[in-house]
N, C-alpha and C. Protein backbone atom coordinates (compact mmCIF):
# COMPACT_ATOMS: atom_id res chain seq x y z
N MET A 1 29.29 -22.70 -5.22
CA MET A 1 28.46 -21.79 -4.45
C MET A 1 29.32 -21.11 -3.37
N ASN A 2 29.03 -19.90 -3.07
CA ASN A 2 29.71 -19.14 -2.07
C ASN A 2 29.48 -19.76 -0.67
N ILE A 3 30.54 -20.06 0.08
CA ILE A 3 30.44 -20.71 1.36
C ILE A 3 29.70 -19.86 2.37
N GLU A 4 29.92 -18.53 2.36
CA GLU A 4 29.26 -17.60 3.29
C GLU A 4 27.75 -17.64 3.06
N LEU A 5 27.37 -17.59 1.80
CA LEU A 5 25.96 -17.62 1.44
C LEU A 5 25.35 -18.94 1.86
N MET A 6 26.07 -20.03 1.63
CA MET A 6 25.55 -21.37 2.00
C MET A 6 25.33 -21.41 3.54
N GLN A 7 26.28 -20.82 4.29
CA GLN A 7 26.20 -20.84 5.75
C GLN A 7 25.00 -20.01 6.19
N GLN A 8 24.73 -18.84 5.59
CA GLN A 8 23.57 -18.06 5.93
C GLN A 8 22.26 -18.79 5.61
N ARG A 9 22.22 -19.51 4.52
CA ARG A 9 21.00 -20.24 4.19
C ARG A 9 20.78 -21.41 5.13
N THR A 10 21.90 -22.07 5.52
CA THR A 10 21.83 -23.19 6.48
C THR A 10 21.31 -22.69 7.78
N ASP A 11 21.92 -21.53 8.24
CA ASP A 11 21.44 -20.98 9.51
C ASP A 11 19.96 -20.64 9.50
N LYS A 12 19.48 -20.14 8.39
CA LYS A 12 18.03 -19.85 8.25
C LYS A 12 17.17 -21.16 8.34
N ALA A 13 17.67 -22.15 7.64
CA ALA A 13 16.96 -23.48 7.67
C ALA A 13 16.91 -24.04 9.07
N VAL A 14 17.99 -23.93 9.79
CA VAL A 14 18.05 -24.48 11.22
C VAL A 14 17.03 -23.77 12.07
N VAL A 15 16.89 -22.46 11.95
CA VAL A 15 15.90 -21.73 12.72
C VAL A 15 14.50 -22.32 12.43
N MET A 16 14.19 -22.46 11.16
CA MET A 16 12.87 -22.99 10.80
C MET A 16 12.69 -24.42 11.28
N LEU A 17 13.69 -25.25 11.14
CA LEU A 17 13.57 -26.66 11.57
C LEU A 17 13.42 -26.75 13.06
N LYS A 18 14.04 -25.88 13.84
CA LYS A 18 13.86 -25.87 15.30
C LYS A 18 12.45 -25.57 15.68
N ALA A 19 11.86 -24.59 14.99
CA ALA A 19 10.50 -24.26 15.28
C ALA A 19 9.55 -25.40 14.88
N LEU A 20 9.79 -26.06 13.77
CA LEU A 20 8.96 -27.15 13.31
C LEU A 20 9.18 -28.43 14.14
N ALA A 21 10.27 -28.56 14.92
CA ALA A 21 10.49 -29.70 15.75
C ALA A 21 9.60 -29.84 16.92
N ASN A 22 8.82 -28.85 17.25
CA ASN A 22 7.84 -28.91 18.28
C ASN A 22 6.49 -29.30 17.74
N GLU A 23 5.86 -30.35 18.29
CA GLU A 23 4.65 -30.85 17.67
C GLU A 23 3.49 -29.88 17.75
N ARG A 24 3.43 -29.03 18.79
CA ARG A 24 2.33 -28.05 18.88
C ARG A 24 2.53 -26.88 17.86
N ARG A 25 3.75 -26.46 17.69
CA ARG A 25 4.04 -25.43 16.66
C ARG A 25 3.73 -25.92 15.28
N LEU A 26 4.16 -27.17 15.03
CA LEU A 26 3.92 -27.73 13.70
C LEU A 26 2.40 -27.90 13.44
N PHE A 27 1.71 -28.30 14.52
CA PHE A 27 0.25 -28.41 14.42
C PHE A 27 -0.40 -27.07 14.11
N ILE A 28 0.04 -26.02 14.80
CA ILE A 28 -0.48 -24.65 14.55
C ILE A 28 -0.19 -24.31 13.08
N LEU A 29 0.97 -24.49 12.58
CA LEU A 29 1.30 -24.16 11.20
C LEU A 29 0.47 -25.02 10.21
N CYS A 30 0.27 -26.28 10.50
CA CYS A 30 -0.59 -27.13 9.62
C CYS A 30 -2.01 -26.61 9.60
N TYR A 31 -2.47 -26.19 10.76
CA TYR A 31 -3.83 -25.69 10.86
C TYR A 31 -4.00 -24.39 10.11
N LEU A 32 -3.00 -23.48 10.21
CA LEU A 32 -3.07 -22.23 9.47
C LEU A 32 -3.01 -22.46 7.99
N LEU A 33 -2.28 -23.49 7.55
CA LEU A 33 -2.23 -23.87 6.16
C LEU A 33 -3.56 -24.26 5.64
N SER A 34 -4.25 -25.11 6.42
CA SER A 34 -5.53 -25.63 6.01
C SER A 34 -6.69 -24.60 6.08
N GLU A 35 -6.61 -23.79 7.12
CA GLU A 35 -7.76 -22.84 7.39
C GLU A 35 -7.49 -21.43 6.90
N GLY A 36 -6.24 -21.07 6.68
CA GLY A 36 -5.90 -19.70 6.33
C GLY A 36 -5.80 -18.81 7.55
N GLU A 37 -5.86 -17.56 7.34
CA GLU A 37 -5.70 -16.54 8.44
C GLU A 37 -6.76 -16.81 9.52
N MET A 38 -6.30 -16.75 10.76
CA MET A 38 -7.20 -16.98 11.90
C MET A 38 -6.77 -16.10 13.06
N CYS A 39 -7.75 -15.73 13.90
CA CYS A 39 -7.45 -14.98 15.11
C CYS A 39 -7.20 -15.97 16.20
N VAL A 40 -6.56 -15.43 17.30
CA VAL A 40 -6.14 -16.30 18.42
C VAL A 40 -7.33 -17.02 19.00
N GLY A 41 -8.45 -16.24 19.20
CA GLY A 41 -9.61 -16.84 19.82
C GLY A 41 -10.13 -18.02 19.05
N GLU A 42 -10.21 -17.95 17.74
CA GLU A 42 -10.64 -19.06 16.92
C GLU A 42 -9.68 -20.26 17.07
N MET A 43 -8.37 -19.94 17.01
CA MET A 43 -7.41 -21.05 17.12
C MET A 43 -7.51 -21.72 18.46
N ASN A 44 -7.68 -20.92 19.49
CA ASN A 44 -7.78 -21.40 20.86
C ASN A 44 -8.95 -22.40 21.01
N LYS A 45 -10.12 -22.09 20.42
CA LYS A 45 -11.25 -22.96 20.42
C LYS A 45 -11.03 -24.27 19.65
N LYS A 46 -10.38 -24.14 18.49
CA LYS A 46 -10.24 -25.27 17.61
C LYS A 46 -9.09 -26.20 17.93
N LEU A 47 -7.98 -25.64 18.46
CA LEU A 47 -6.78 -26.43 18.68
C LEU A 47 -6.69 -27.10 20.06
N GLY A 48 -7.50 -26.70 20.98
CA GLY A 48 -7.44 -27.26 22.36
C GLY A 48 -6.22 -26.98 23.16
N LEU A 49 -5.54 -25.84 22.82
CA LEU A 49 -4.42 -25.40 23.63
C LEU A 49 -4.90 -24.31 24.57
N SER A 50 -4.22 -24.18 25.71
CA SER A 50 -4.57 -23.09 26.60
C SER A 50 -4.18 -21.75 25.93
N GLN A 51 -4.85 -20.67 26.28
CA GLN A 51 -4.54 -19.38 25.70
C GLN A 51 -3.04 -19.04 25.89
N SER A 52 -2.51 -19.36 27.12
CA SER A 52 -1.10 -19.08 27.43
C SER A 52 -0.21 -19.90 26.53
N ALA A 53 -0.43 -21.16 26.40
CA ALA A 53 0.44 -22.01 25.59
C ALA A 53 0.39 -21.58 24.12
N LEU A 54 -0.81 -21.31 23.62
CA LEU A 54 -0.97 -20.87 22.21
C LEU A 54 -0.20 -19.58 22.00
N SER A 55 -0.35 -18.62 22.89
CA SER A 55 0.36 -17.33 22.79
C SER A 55 1.84 -17.52 22.73
N GLN A 56 2.34 -18.48 23.59
CA GLN A 56 3.81 -18.67 23.63
C GLN A 56 4.28 -19.25 22.31
N HIS A 57 3.54 -20.24 21.79
CA HIS A 57 3.91 -20.85 20.51
C HIS A 57 3.83 -19.87 19.35
N LEU A 58 2.78 -19.05 19.35
CA LEU A 58 2.63 -18.06 18.28
C LEU A 58 3.76 -17.03 18.38
N ALA A 59 4.17 -16.62 19.57
CA ALA A 59 5.27 -15.69 19.72
C ALA A 59 6.56 -16.29 19.17
N TRP A 60 6.77 -17.60 19.41
CA TRP A 60 7.97 -18.28 18.87
C TRP A 60 7.92 -18.26 17.40
N LEU A 61 6.76 -18.58 16.79
CA LEU A 61 6.65 -18.62 15.35
C LEU A 61 6.82 -17.26 14.75
N ARG A 62 6.29 -16.27 15.38
CA ARG A 62 6.44 -14.90 14.92
C ARG A 62 7.91 -14.44 14.97
N LYS A 63 8.60 -14.76 16.10
CA LYS A 63 9.99 -14.42 16.24
C LYS A 63 10.84 -15.01 15.15
N ASP A 64 10.51 -16.23 14.72
CA ASP A 64 11.30 -16.97 13.77
C ASP A 64 10.76 -16.68 12.32
N ASN A 65 9.87 -15.70 12.16
CA ASN A 65 9.36 -15.30 10.88
C ASN A 65 8.60 -16.36 10.11
N LEU A 66 7.91 -17.22 10.83
CA LEU A 66 7.10 -18.28 10.16
C LEU A 66 5.66 -17.83 10.03
N VAL A 67 5.22 -17.03 10.89
CA VAL A 67 3.87 -16.45 10.79
C VAL A 67 3.91 -14.92 10.80
N GLU A 68 2.92 -14.28 10.26
CA GLU A 68 2.78 -12.88 10.35
C GLU A 68 1.43 -12.51 10.96
N THR A 69 1.31 -11.29 11.41
CA THR A 69 0.14 -10.83 12.07
C THR A 69 -0.48 -9.66 11.36
N ARG A 70 -1.81 -9.54 11.53
CA ARG A 70 -2.59 -8.43 11.09
C ARG A 70 -3.50 -8.07 12.21
N LYS A 71 -3.58 -6.82 12.58
CA LYS A 71 -4.38 -6.39 13.68
C LYS A 71 -5.64 -5.65 13.15
N GLU A 72 -6.79 -6.03 13.71
CA GLU A 72 -8.05 -5.36 13.35
C GLU A 72 -8.75 -5.03 14.66
N ALA A 73 -8.69 -3.75 15.04
CA ALA A 73 -9.19 -3.30 16.36
C ALA A 73 -8.36 -4.02 17.45
N GLN A 74 -8.98 -4.79 18.27
CA GLN A 74 -8.29 -5.51 19.36
C GLN A 74 -7.94 -6.96 18.95
N THR A 75 -8.34 -7.31 17.80
CA THR A 75 -8.12 -8.73 17.34
C THR A 75 -6.87 -8.86 16.54
N VAL A 76 -6.07 -9.84 16.85
CA VAL A 76 -4.86 -10.14 16.09
C VAL A 76 -5.07 -11.38 15.28
N PHE A 77 -4.81 -11.32 13.98
CA PHE A 77 -4.95 -12.45 13.07
C PHE A 77 -3.63 -12.92 12.68
N TYR A 78 -3.49 -14.28 12.55
CA TYR A 78 -2.21 -14.91 12.19
C TYR A 78 -2.34 -15.67 10.88
N SER A 79 -1.29 -15.65 10.11
CA SER A 79 -1.22 -16.40 8.84
C SER A 79 0.19 -16.81 8.61
N LEU A 80 0.39 -17.78 7.74
CA LEU A 80 1.71 -18.19 7.36
C LEU A 80 2.40 -17.02 6.61
N LYS A 81 3.65 -16.85 6.91
CA LYS A 81 4.40 -15.62 6.47
C LYS A 81 4.78 -15.69 5.01
N SER A 82 5.27 -16.82 4.52
CA SER A 82 5.86 -16.78 3.18
C SER A 82 5.46 -18.06 2.42
N LYS A 83 5.72 -17.97 1.12
CA LYS A 83 5.54 -19.12 0.25
C LYS A 83 6.41 -20.27 0.69
N GLU A 84 7.62 -19.99 1.11
CA GLU A 84 8.58 -21.03 1.53
C GLU A 84 8.05 -21.84 2.72
N VAL A 85 7.49 -21.12 3.69
CA VAL A 85 6.88 -21.77 4.86
C VAL A 85 5.77 -22.60 4.46
N SER A 86 4.83 -22.05 3.63
CA SER A 86 3.72 -22.78 3.13
C SER A 86 4.10 -24.03 2.40
N GLU A 87 5.13 -23.97 1.59
CA GLU A 87 5.59 -25.13 0.82
C GLU A 87 6.14 -26.23 1.73
N ILE A 88 6.89 -25.82 2.73
CA ILE A 88 7.42 -26.88 3.69
C ILE A 88 6.31 -27.52 4.46
N ILE A 89 5.36 -26.70 4.96
CA ILE A 89 4.21 -27.28 5.70
C ILE A 89 3.37 -28.17 4.80
N LYS A 90 3.15 -27.76 3.60
CA LYS A 90 2.40 -28.61 2.60
C LYS A 90 3.10 -29.97 2.47
N LEU A 91 4.44 -29.94 2.26
CA LEU A 91 5.22 -31.16 2.10
C LEU A 91 5.03 -32.07 3.31
N LEU A 92 5.23 -31.52 4.50
CA LEU A 92 5.07 -32.34 5.74
C LEU A 92 3.65 -32.81 5.90
N ASN A 93 2.72 -31.93 5.60
CA ASN A 93 1.29 -32.35 5.72
C ASN A 93 0.98 -33.53 4.76
N ASN A 94 1.45 -33.45 3.52
CA ASN A 94 1.20 -34.50 2.52
C ASN A 94 1.91 -35.82 2.93
N MET A 95 3.06 -35.71 3.54
CA MET A 95 3.85 -36.91 3.92
C MET A 95 3.28 -37.60 5.15
N TYR A 96 2.81 -36.78 6.15
CA TYR A 96 2.53 -37.35 7.44
C TYR A 96 1.09 -37.20 7.93
N CYS A 97 0.32 -36.37 7.34
CA CYS A 97 -0.99 -36.08 7.88
C CYS A 97 -2.15 -36.61 7.03
N HIS A 98 -1.84 -37.32 5.93
CA HIS A 98 -2.89 -37.89 5.07
C HIS A 98 -2.85 -39.42 5.15
């Protein structure tokens, strides 16, 4: 395998693993996996995080391309961004949350 390509893939994995290393962000991702697309208001009610903390975690996840957004009027909806993210969250969920 090409060393440069391997390094790029490793760098991408490290970004994802850093985001997943925070229990709140991992919890948000697990919740999005189980519930599907959700708006911030719904997540705020269900997850028990302050609006400020939730917004900061969602911004981190968005920056690292783990979640994507869809805007409808003034409401922003969040969902898992890719199949790869979903697969990793499913694996962690099956290993540790059941």
